[in-house]
Structures are given as structure tokens and as C-alpha cells.
Amino acid sequence: MQKRLGDMRELLTKHDVDALLVSSLEHIVHLTDFSYFSNSEREAYLLITQNSQYIFTDGRYTHAVKKLLKNFSLQEITTQKPFINHFKDLIAQEKI
């Protein structure tokens, strides 16, 4: 997994891109080795930057993500803080 994330960061640098938002389940599984999400629902996103990696998902997966994806910063999607709010905050924080 770390090699794949490193390769992704090399591509970001090569193409002068600040970050990559990953929404495809197949790509999320490939980059995280976490295959617990449902194929029929939009349950996760990844944001990969030069220095950080974030996973956005809801409370159904919080425990498993915390346990299995320790190198990702969990951004828990709730009705009070939906994905777009997390995303906007990280754009500002990471200066994307």
C-alpha cells in the first residue's frame, strides 16, 4: 500500500498537481487494501496530497478504518458535517 501511495505522490509531483481526490471504489481498495465498502453505495473518498492522506467515510466504518488504516487521517462524514464541508476545510488547510 505504501508503495502505491508513494507512486501516486510521484505522479502528483511530476504533473505539478497539489492533490488527488479518489472516488472510485476500485481505486480506493487498490490504494488502501481496505475492501469492506459496499460496491453499490458511495461510502468513501480519499484525498491524497504531497504530505497527507485522508479517508472520508461514515460512522459504519469508523472503527474498522481507525484500526486498519492508521496511516490515513479519518474524516467522518455525518449529517452535521457532510463530505463537502470536510473537503472545503482540507482544501484551505492544505492550501490546495
PDB file of N, CA and C in Angstrom:
ATOM      1  N   MET A   1       0.822  -1.192   0.000  1.00  0.00           N
ATOM      2  CA  MET A   1       0.000   0.000   0.000  1.00  0.00           C
ATOM      3  C   MET A   1       0.871   1.262   0.000  1.00  0.00           C
ATOM      4  N   GLN A   2       1.892   1.303   0.841  1.00  0.00           N
ATOM      5  CA  GLN A   2       2.739   2.490   0.916  1.00  0.00           C
ATOM      6  C   GLN A   2       3.423   2.773  -0.417  1.00  0.00           C
ATOM      7  N   LYS A   3       3.840   1.733  -1.107  1.00  0.00           N
ATOM      8  CA  LYS A   3       4.475   1.919  -2.415  1.00  0.00           C
ATOM      9  C   LYS A   3       3.494   2.545  -3.390  1.00  0.00           C
ATOM     10  N   ARG A   4       2.249   2.073  -3.399  1.00  0.00           N
ATOM     11  CA  ARG A   4       1.249   2.630  -4.316  1.00  0.00           C
ATOM     12  C   ARG A   4       0.975   4.090  -3.999  1.00  0.00           C
ATOM     13  N   LEU A   5       0.920   4.435  -2.713  1.00  0.00           N
ATOM     14  CA  LEU A   5       0.722   5.841  -2.334  1.00  0.00           C
ATOM     15  C   LEU A   5       1.937   6.676  -2.739  1.00  0.00           C
ATOM     16  N   GLY A   6       3.132   6.118  -2.560  1.00  0.00           N
ATOM     17  CA  GLY A   6       4.350   6.814  -2.988  1.00  0.00           C
ATOM     18  C   GLY A   6       4.369   7.044  -4.489  1.00  0.00           C
ATOM     19  N   ASP A   7       3.958   6.024  -5.235  1.00  0.00           N
ATOM     20  CA  ASP A   7       3.884   6.168  -6.694  1.00  0.00           C
ATOM     21  C   ASP A   7       2.885   7.257  -7.081  1.00  0.00           C
ATOM     22  N   MET A   8       1.769   7.315  -6.352  1.00  0.00           N
ATOM     23  CA  MET A   8       0.753   8.334  -6.628  1.00  0.00           C
ATOM     24  C   MET A   8       1.324   9.726  -6.361  1.00  0.00           C
ATOM     25  N   ARG A   9       2.073   9.859  -5.285  1.00  0.00           N
ATOM     26  CA  ARG A   9       2.684  11.158  -4.964  1.00  0.00           C
ATOM     27  C   ARG A   9       3.715  11.563  -6.016  1.00  0.00           C
ATOM     28  N   GLU A  10       4.450  10.599  -6.539  1.00  0.00           N
ATOM     29  CA  GLU A  10       5.397  10.905  -7.618  1.00  0.00           C
ATOM     30  C   GLU A  10       4.667  11.460  -8.831  1.00  0.00           C
ATOM     31  N   LEU A  11       3.507  10.895  -9.140  1.00  0.00           N
ATOM     32  CA  LEU A  11       2.713  11.412 -10.259  1.00  0.00           C
ATOM     33  C   LEU A  11       2.196  12.818  -9.978  1.00  0.00           C
ATOM     34  N   LEU A  12       1.796  13.072  -8.741  1.00  0.00           N
ATOM     35  CA  LEU A  12       1.352  14.428  -8.380  1.00  0.00           C
ATOM     36  C   LEU A  12       2.483  15.423  -8.639  1.00  0.00           C
ATOM     37  N   THR A  13       3.680  15.075  -8.190  1.00  0.00           N
ATOM     38  CA  THR A  13       4.833  15.952  -8.373  1.00  0.00           C
ATOM     39  C   THR A  13       5.151  16.128  -9.853  1.00  0.00           C
ATOM     40  N   LYS A  14       5.194  15.016 -10.573  1.00  0.00           N
ATOM     41  CA  LYS A  14       5.543  15.052 -11.992  1.00  0.00           C
ATOM     42  C   LYS A  14       4.607  15.956 -12.784  1.00  0.00           C
ATOM     43  N   HIS A  15       3.326  15.942 -12.429  1.00  0.00           N
ATOM     44  CA  HIS A  15       2.333  16.718 -13.170  1.00  0.00           C
ATOM     45  C   HIS A  15       1.962  18.028 -12.469  1.00  0.00           C
ATOM     46  N   ASP A  16       2.730  18.384 -11.417  1.00  0.00           N
ATOM     47  CA  ASP A  16       2.520  19.627 -10.681  1.00  0.00           C
ATOM     48  C   ASP A  16       1.076  19.772 -10.207  1.00  0.00           C
ATOM     49  N   VAL A  17       0.596  18.731  -9.555  1.00  0.00           N
ATOM     50  CA  VAL A  17      -0.770  18.694  -9.026  1.00  0.00           C
ATOM     51  C   VAL A  17      -0.687  18.682  -7.504  1.00  0.00           C
ATOM     52  N   ASP A  18      -1.508  19.501  -6.852  1.00  0.00           N
ATOM     53  CA  ASP A  18      -1.487  19.599  -5.396  1.00  0.00           C
ATOM     54  C   ASP A  18      -2.081  18.382  -4.702  1.00  0.00           C
ATOM     55  N   ALA A  19      -3.141  17.820  -5.283  1.00  0.00           N
ATOM     56  CA  ALA A  19      -3.850  16.740  -4.599  1.00  0.00           C
ATOM     57  C   ALA A  19      -4.665  15.939  -5.601  1.00  0.00           C
ATOM     58  N   LEU A  20      -5.077  14.775  -5.138  1.00  0.00           N
ATOM     59  CA  LEU A  20      -5.917  13.905  -5.944  1.00  0.00           C
ATOM     60  C   LEU A  20      -7.086  13.444  -5.087  1.00  0.00           C
ATOM     61  N   LEU A  21      -8.297  13.610  -5.602  1.00  0.00           N
ATOM     62  CA  LEU A  21      -9.492  13.093  -4.945  1.00  0.00           C
ATOM     63  C   LEU A  21      -9.859  11.790  -5.633  1.00  0.00           C
ATOM     64  N   VAL A  22      -9.929  10.719  -4.854  1.00  0.00           N
ATOM     65  CA  VAL A  22     -10.237   9.396  -5.384  1.00  0.00           C
ATOM     66  C   VAL A  22     -11.645   9.022  -4.946  1.00  0.00           C
ATOM     67  N   SER A  23     -12.508   8.749  -5.924  1.00  0.00           N
ATOM     68  CA  SER A  23     -13.885   8.380  -5.603  1.00  0.00           C
ATOM     69  C   SER A  23     -14.258   6.980  -6.068  1.00  0.00           C
ATOM     70  N   SER A  24     -13.466   6.400  -6.935  1.00  0.00           N
ATOM     71  CA  SER A  24     -13.729   5.065  -7.446  1.00  0.00           C
ATOM     72  C   SER A  24     -13.431   4.021  -6.370  1.00  0.00           C
ATOM     73  N   LEU A  25     -14.404   3.166  -6.086  1.00  0.00           N
ATOM     74  CA  LEU A  25     -14.206   2.130  -5.078  1.00  0.00           C
ATOM     75  C   LEU A  25     -13.009   1.244  -5.410  1.00  0.00           C
ATOM     76  N   GLU A  26     -12.873   0.889  -6.674  1.00  0.00           N
ATOM     77  CA  GLU A  26     -11.760   0.032  -7.072  1.00  0.00           C
ATOM     78  C   GLU A  26     -10.413   0.693  -6.774  1.00  0.00           C
ATOM     79  N   HIS A  27     -10.312   1.982  -7.013  1.00  0.00           N
ATOM     80  CA  HIS A  27      -9.061   2.697  -6.744  1.00  0.00           C
ATOM     81  C   HIS A  27      -8.835   2.882  -5.248  1.00  0.00           C
ATOM     82  N   ILE A  28      -9.919   3.092  -4.505  1.00  0.00           N
ATOM     83  CA  ILE A  28      -9.806   3.202  -3.045  1.00  0.00           C
ATOM     84  C   ILE A  28      -9.261   1.895  -2.475  1.00  0.00           C
ATOM     85  N   VAL A  29      -9.820   0.776  -2.909  1.00  0.00           N
ATOM     86  CA  VAL A  29      -9.347  -0.528  -2.448  1.00  0.00           C
ATOM     87  C   VAL A  29      -7.887  -0.727  -2.846  1.00  0.00           C
ATOM     88  N   HIS A  30      -7.546  -0.365  -4.067  1.00  0.00           N
ATOM     89  CA  HIS A  30      -6.164  -0.525  -4.548  1.00  0.00           C
ATOM     90  C   HIS A  30      -5.176   0.295  -3.710  1.00  0.00           C
ATOM     91  N   LEU A  31      -5.542   1.513  -3.352  1.00  0.00           N
ATOM     92  CA  LEU A  31      -4.632   2.395  -2.627  1.00  0.00           C
ATOM     93  C   LEU A  31      -4.591   2.141  -1.122  1.00  0.00           C
ATOM     94  N   THR A  32      -5.626   1.469  -0.582  1.00  0.00           N
ATOM     95  CA  THR A  32      -5.704   1.273   0.869  1.00  0.00           C
ATOM     96  C   THR A  32      -5.657  -0.184   1.311  1.00  0.00           C
ATOM     97  N   ASP A  33      -5.940  -1.099   0.414  1.00  0.00           N
ATOM     98  CA  ASP A  33      -6.124  -2.518   0.763  1.00  0.00           C
ATOM     99  C   ASP A  33      -7.315  -2.725   1.696  1.00  0.00           C
ATOM    100  N   PHE A  34      -8.189  -1.758   1.784  1.00  0.00           N
ATOM    101  CA  PHE A  34      -9.385  -1.831   2.630  1.00  0.00           C
ATOM    102  C   PHE A  34     -10.568  -2.149   1.719  1.00  0.00           C
ATOM    103  N   SER A  35     -11.115  -3.347   1.853  1.00  0.00           N
ATOM    104  CA  SER A  35     -12.145  -3.804   0.916  1.00  0.00           C
ATOM    105  C   SER A  35     -13.504  -4.038   1.575  1.00  0.00           C
ATOM    106  N   TYR A  36     -13.791  -3.304   2.618  1.00  0.00           N
ATOM    107  CA  TYR A  36     -15.034  -3.519   3.359  1.00  0.00           C
ATOM    108  C   TYR A  36     -16.209  -2.675   2.862  1.00  0.00           C
ATOM    109  N   PHE A  37     -15.970  -1.751   1.970  1.00  0.00           N
ATOM    110  CA  PHE A  37     -17.045  -0.895   1.483  1.00  0.00           C
ATOM    111  C   PHE A  37     -17.935  -1.656   0.513  1.00  0.00           C
ATOM    112  N   SER A  38     -19.181  -1.244   0.437  1.00  0.00           N
ATOM    113  CA  SER A  38     -20.154  -1.861  -0.462  1.00  0.00           C
ATOM    114  C   SER A  38     -19.934  -1.372  -1.891  1.00  0.00           C
ATOM    115  N   ASN A  39     -20.102  -2.258  -2.842  1.00  0.00           N
ATOM    116  CA  ASN A  39     -19.992  -1.879  -4.256  1.00  0.00           C
ATOM    117  C   ASN A  39     -21.161  -1.031  -4.723  1.00  0.00           C
ATOM    118  N   SER A  40     -22.276  -1.079  -4.017  1.00  0.00           N
ATOM    119  CA  SER A  40     -23.483  -0.413  -4.500  1.00  0.00           C
ATOM    120  C   SER A  40     -23.735   0.958  -3.869  1.00  0.00           C
ATOM    121  N   GLU A  41     -22.914   1.385  -2.936  1.00  0.00           N
ATOM    122  CA  GLU A  41     -23.124   2.672  -2.282  1.00  0.00           C
ATOM    123  C   GLU A  41     -21.857   3.522  -2.331  1.00  0.00           C
ATOM    124  N   ARG A  42     -22.017   4.819  -2.297  1.00  0.00           N
ATOM    125  CA  ARG A  42     -20.889   5.756  -2.244  1.00  0.00           C
ATOM    126  C   ARG A  42     -20.547   5.922  -0.765  1.00  0.00           C
ATOM    127  N   GLU A  43     -19.555   5.170  -0.279  1.00  0.00           N
ATOM    128  CA  GLU A  43     -19.261   5.148   1.151  1.00  0.00           C
ATOM    129  C   GLU A  43     -17.916   5.734   1.531  1.00  0.00           C
ATOM    130  N   ALA A  44     -17.098   6.074   0.547  1.00  0.00           N
ATOM    131  CA  ALA A  44     -15.770   6.583   0.895  1.00  0.00           C
ATOM    132  C   ALA A  44     -15.180   7.405  -0.245  1.00  0.00           C
ATOM    133  N   TYR A  45     -14.257   8.267   0.156  1.00  0.00           N
ATOM    134  CA  TYR A  45     -13.420   9.037  -0.760  1.00  0.00           C
ATOM    135  C   TYR A  45     -12.032   9.081  -0.138  1.00  0.00           C
ATOM    136  N   LEU A  46     -11.033   9.272  -0.970  1.00  0.00           N
ATOM    137  CA  LEU A  46      -9.675   9.520  -0.495  1.00  0.00           C
ATOM    138  C   LEU A  46      -9.223  10.868  -1.016  1.00  0.00           C
ATOM    139  N   LEU A  47      -8.433  11.558  -0.237  1.00  0.00           N
ATOM    140  CA  LEU A  47      -7.743  12.756  -0.690  1.00  0.00           C
ATOM    141  C   LEU A  47      -6.265  12.522  -0.423  1.00  0.00           C
ATOM    142  N   ILE A  48      -5.493  12.522  -1.491  1.00  0.00           N
ATOM    143  CA  ILE A  48      -4.050  12.293  -1.401  1.00  0.00           C
ATOM    144  C   ILE A  48      -3.353  13.611  -1.741  1.00  0.00           C
ATOM    145  N   THR A  49      -2.512  14.087  -0.832  1.00  0.00           N
ATOM    146  CA  THR A  49      -1.718  15.288  -1.082  1.00  0.00           C
ATOM    147  C   THR A  49      -0.242  14.886  -1.039  1.00  0.00           C
ATOM    148  N   GLN A  50       0.627  15.839  -1.226  1.00  0.00           N
ATOM    149  CA  GLN A  50       2.066  15.546  -1.189  1.00  0.00           C
ATOM    150  C   GLN A  50       2.505  15.016   0.178  1.00  0.00           C
ATOM    151  N   ASN A  51       1.841  15.456   1.241  1.00  0.00           N
ATOM    152  CA  ASN A  51       2.298  15.093   2.589  1.00  0.00           C
ATOM    153  C   ASN A  51       1.274  14.356   3.440  1.00  0.00           C
ATOM    154  N   SER A  52       0.053  14.262   2.969  1.00  0.00           N
ATOM    155  CA  SER A  52      -1.004  13.689   3.804  1.00  0.00           C
ATOM    156  C   SER A  52      -1.920  12.800   2.977  1.00  0.00           C
ATOM    157  N   GLN A  53      -2.674  11.988   3.697  1.00  0.00           N
ATOM    158  CA  GLN A  53      -3.686  11.167   3.039  1.00  0.00           C
ATOM    159  C   GLN A  53      -4.887  11.069   3.971  1.00  0.00           C
ATOM    160  N   TYR A  54      -6.043  11.303   3.404  1.00  0.00           N
ATOM    161  CA  TYR A  54      -7.283  11.358   4.161  1.00  0.00           C
ATOM    162  C   TYR A  54      -8.266  10.353   3.592  1.00  0.00           C
ATOM    163  N   ILE A  55      -9.059   9.777   4.488  1.00  0.00           N
ATOM    164  CA  ILE A  55     -10.160   8.929   4.055  1.00  0.00           C
ATOM    165  C   ILE A  55     -11.437   9.508   4.659  1.00  0.00           C
ATOM    166  N   PHE A  56     -12.433   9.673   3.808  1.00  0.00           N
ATOM    167  CA  PHE A  56     -13.734  10.198   4.204  1.00  0.00           C
ATOM    168  C   PHE A  56     -14.713   9.031   4.178  1.00  0.00           C
ATOM    169  N   THR A  57     -15.387   8.790   5.276  1.00  0.00           N
ATOM    170  CA  THR A  57     -16.421   7.759   5.308  1.00  0.00           C
ATOM    171  C   THR A  57     -17.355   8.045   6.480  1.00  0.00           C
ATOM    172  N   ASP A  58     -18.397   7.242   6.585  1.00  0.00           N
ATOM    173  CA  ASP A  58     -19.376   7.480   7.647  1.00  0.00           C
ATOM    174  C   ASP A  58     -19.138   6.556   8.840  1.00  0.00           C
ATOM    175  N   GLY A  59     -19.967   6.721   9.846  1.00  0.00           N
ATOM    176  CA  GLY A  59     -19.805   6.024  11.121  1.00  0.00           C
ATOM    177  C   GLY A  59     -19.826   4.508  11.045  1.00  0.00           C
ATOM    178  N   ARG A  60     -20.394   3.946  10.004  1.00  0.00           N
ATOM    179  CA  ARG A  60     -20.426   2.489   9.884  1.00  0.00           C
ATOM    180  C   ARG A  60     -19.032   1.899   9.766  1.00  0.00           C
ATOM    181  N   TYR A  61     -18.087   2.694   9.280  1.00  0.00           N
ATOM    182  CA  TYR A  61     -16.738   2.195   9.009  1.00  0.00           C
ATOM    183  C   TYR A  61     -15.676   2.811   9.906  1.00  0.00           C
ATOM    184  N   THR A  62     -16.065   3.697  10.800  1.00  0.00           N
ATOM    185  CA  THR A  62     -15.111   4.433  11.626  1.00  0.00           C
ATOM    186  C   THR A  62     -14.175   3.501  12.394  1.00  0.00           C
ATOM    187  N   HIS A  63     -14.731   2.540  13.087  1.00  0.00           N
ATOM    188  CA  HIS A  63     -13.910   1.644  13.906  1.00  0.00           C
ATOM    189  C   HIS A  63     -12.913   0.869  13.041  1.00  0.00           C
ATOM    190  N   ALA A  64     -13.393   0.288  11.952  1.00  0.00           N
ATOM    191  CA  ALA A  64     -12.519  -0.509  11.082  1.00  0.00           C
ATOM    192  C   ALA A  64     -11.441   0.360  10.436  1.00  0.00           C
ATOM    193  N   VAL A  65     -11.807   1.564   9.996  1.00  0.00           N
ATOM    194  CA  VAL A  65     -10.821   2.455   9.375  1.00  0.00           C
ATOM    195  C   VAL A  65      -9.754   2.852  10.387  1.00  0.00           C
ATOM    196  N   LYS A  66     -10.169   3.206  11.593  1.00  0.00           N
ATOM    197  CA  LYS A  66      -9.197   3.574  12.629  1.00  0.00           C
ATOM    198  C   LYS A  66      -8.247   2.419  12.935  1.00  0.00           C
ATOM    199  N   LYS A  67      -8.776   1.210  12.939  1.00  0.00           N
ATOM    200  CA  LYS A  67      -7.982   0.035  13.272  1.00  0.00           C
ATOM    201  C   LYS A  67      -7.045  -0.380  12.129  1.00  0.00           C
ATOM    202  N   LEU A  68      -7.536  -0.312  10.892  1.00  0.00           N
ATOM    203  CA  LEU A  68      -6.798  -0.877   9.768  1.00  0.00           C
ATOM    204  C   LEU A  68      -6.056   0.141   8.901  1.00  0.00           C
ATOM    205  N   LEU A  69      -6.465   1.390   8.948  1.00  0.00           N
ATOM    206  CA  LEU A  69      -5.841   2.415   8.093  1.00  0.00           C
ATOM    207  C   LEU A  69      -5.229   3.526   8.944  1.00  0.00           C
ATOM    208  N   LYS A  70      -4.302   3.137   9.789  1.00  0.00           N
ATOM    209  CA  LYS A  70      -3.717   4.087  10.739  1.00  0.00           C
ATOM    210  C   LYS A  70      -2.911   5.190  10.068  1.00  0.00           C
ATOM    211  N   ASN A  71      -2.483   4.961   8.834  1.00  0.00           N
ATOM    212  CA  ASN A  71      -1.695   5.990   8.147  1.00  0.00           C
ATOM    213  C   ASN A  71      -2.572   6.962   7.360  1.00  0.00           C
ATOM    214  N   PHE A  72      -3.892   6.836   7.497  1.00  0.00           N
ATOM    215  CA  PHE A  72      -4.832   7.775   6.896  1.00  0.00           C
ATOM    216  C   PHE A  72      -5.492   8.591   7.993  1.00  0.00           C
ATOM    217  N   SER A  73      -5.728   9.848   7.719  1.00  0.00           N
ATOM    218  CA  SER A  73      -6.478  10.692   8.640  1.00  0.00           C
ATOM    219  C   SER A  73      -7.964  10.518   8.329  1.00  0.00           C
ATOM    220  N   LEU A  74      -8.705  10.013   9.300  1.00  0.00           N
ATOM    221  CA  LEU A  74     -10.136   9.767   9.116  1.00  0.00           C
ATOM    222  C   LEU A  74     -10.918  11.068   9.205  1.00  0.00           C
ATOM    223  N   GLN A  75     -11.767  11.278   8.213  1.00  0.00           N
ATOM    224  CA  GLN A  75     -12.696  12.399   8.194  1.00  0.00           C
ATOM    225  C   GLN A  75     -14.095  11.785   8.190  1.00  0.00           C
ATOM    226  N   GLU A  76     -14.729  11.769   9.360  1.00  0.00           N
ATOM    227  CA  GLU A  76     -16.016  11.083   9.476  1.00  0.00           C
ATOM    228  C   GLU A  76     -17.152  11.956   8.945  1.00  0.00           C
ATOM    229  N   ILE A  77     -17.845  11.429   7.962  1.00  0.00           N
ATOM    230  CA  ILE A  77     -18.976  12.117   7.344  1.00  0.00           C
ATOM    231  C   ILE A  77     -20.207  11.912   8.220  1.00  0.00           C
ATOM    232  N   THR A  78     -20.862  13.008   8.563  1.00  0.00           N
ATOM    233  CA  THR A  78     -22.094  12.968   9.357  1.00  0.00           C
ATOM    234  C   THR A  78     -23.106  13.924   8.728  1.00  0.00           C
ATOM    235  N   THR A  79     -24.321  13.896   9.231  1.00  0.00           N
ATOM    236  CA  THR A  79     -25.305  14.863   8.736  1.00  0.00           C
ATOM    237  C   THR A  79     -24.907  16.274   9.165  1.00  0.00           C
ATOM    238  N   GLN A  80     -24.233  16.400  10.306  1.00  0.00           N
ATOM    239  CA  GLN A  80     -23.779  17.712  10.777  1.00  0.00           C
ATOM    240  C   GLN A  80     -22.572  18.210   9.992  1.00  0.00           C
ATOM    241  N   LYS A  81     -21.738  17.286   9.538  1.00  0.00           N
ATOM    242  CA  LYS A  81     -20.562  17.674   8.752  1.00  0.00           C
ATOM    243  C   LYS A  81     -20.445  16.729   7.553  1.00  0.00           C
ATOM    244  N   PRO A  82     -21.118  17.076   6.477  1.00  0.00           N
ATOM    245  CA  PRO A  82     -21.074  16.229   5.272  1.00  0.00           C
ATOM    246  C   PRO A  82     -19.705  16.309   4.581  1.00  0.00           C
ATOM    247  N   PHE A  83     -19.538  15.443   3.623  1.00  0.00           N
ATOM    248  CA  PHE A  83     -18.279  15.350   2.889  1.00  0.00           C
ATOM    249  C   PHE A  83     -17.793  16.710   2.399  1.00  0.00           C
ATOM    250  N   ILE A  84     -18.655  17.480   1.770  1.00  0.00           N
ATOM    251  CA  ILE A  84     -18.239  18.740   1.152  1.00  0.00           C
ATOM    252  C   ILE A  84     -17.639  19.699   2.182  1.00  0.00           C
ATOM    253  N   ASN A  85     -18.137  19.681   3.405  1.00  0.00           N
ATOM    254  CA  ASN A  85     -17.588  20.557   4.450  1.00  0.00           C
ATOM    255  C   ASN A  85     -16.186  20.108   4.855  1.00  0.00           C
ATOM    256  N   HIS A  86     -16.002  18.794   5.014  1.00  0.00           N
ATOM    257  CA  HIS A  86     -14.656  18.274   5.290  1.00  0.00           C
ATOM    258  C   HIS A  86     -13.714  18.661   4.149  1.00  0.00           C
ATOM    259  N   PHE A  87     -14.184  18.466   2.931  1.00  0.00           N
ATOM    260  CA  PHE A  87     -13.371  18.728   1.748  1.00  0.00           C
ATOM    261  C   PHE A  87     -12.941  20.192   1.683  1.00  0.00           C
ATOM    262  N   LYS A  88     -13.879  21.104   1.891  1.00  0.00           N
ATOM    263  CA  LYS A  88     -13.551  22.536   1.876  1.00  0.00           C
ATOM    264  C   LYS A  88     -12.541  22.886   2.965  1.00  0.00           C
ATOM    265  N   ASP A  89     -12.717  22.311   4.153  1.00  0.00           N
ATOM    266  CA  ASP A  89     -11.775  22.575   5.249  1.00  0.00           C
ATOM    267  C   ASP A  89     -10.361  22.112   4.898  1.00  0.00           C
ATOM    268  N   LEU A  90     -10.266  20.928   4.291  1.00  0.00           N
ATOM    269  CA  LEU A  90      -8.941  20.401   3.934  1.00  0.00           C
ATOM    270  C   LEU A  90      -8.302  21.169   2.786  1.00  0.00           C
ATOM    271  N   ILE A  91      -9.115  21.642   1.866  1.00  0.00           N
ATOM    272  CA  ILE A  91      -8.593  22.476   0.777  1.00  0.00           C
ATOM    273  C   ILE A  91      -7.911  23.712   1.361  1.00  0.00           C
ATOM    274  N   ALA A  92      -8.572  24.333   2.332  1.00  0.00           N
ATOM    275  CA  ALA A  92      -7.989  25.513   2.976  1.00  0.00           C
ATOM    276  C   ALA A  92      -6.771  25.133   3.808  1.00  0.00           C
ATOM    277  N   GLN A  93      -6.895  24.089   4.602  1.00  0.00           N
ATOM    278  CA  GLN A  93      -5.801  23.656   5.481  1.00  0.00           C
ATOM    279  C   GLN A  93      -4.557  23.262   4.703  1.00  0.00           C
ATOM    280  N   GLU A  94      -4.733  22.532   3.628  1.00  0.00           N
ATOM    281  CA  GLU A  94      -3.611  22.036   2.827  1.00  0.00           C
ATOM    282  C   GLU A  94      -3.171  23.040   1.746  1.00  0.00           C
ATOM    283  N   LYS A  95      -3.906  24.142   1.645  1.00  0.00           N
ATOM    284  CA  LYS A  95      -3.604  25.180   0.646  1.00  0.00           C
ATOM    285  C   LYS A  95      -3.614  24.599  -0.783  1.00  0.00           C
ATOM    286  N   ILE A  96      -4.649  23.839  -1.065  1.00  0.00           N
ATOM    287  CA  ILE A  96      -4.805  23.214  -2.376  1.00  0.00           C
ATOM    288  C   ILE A  96      -5.443  24.211  -3.326  1.00  0.00           C
TER     289      ILE A  96
END
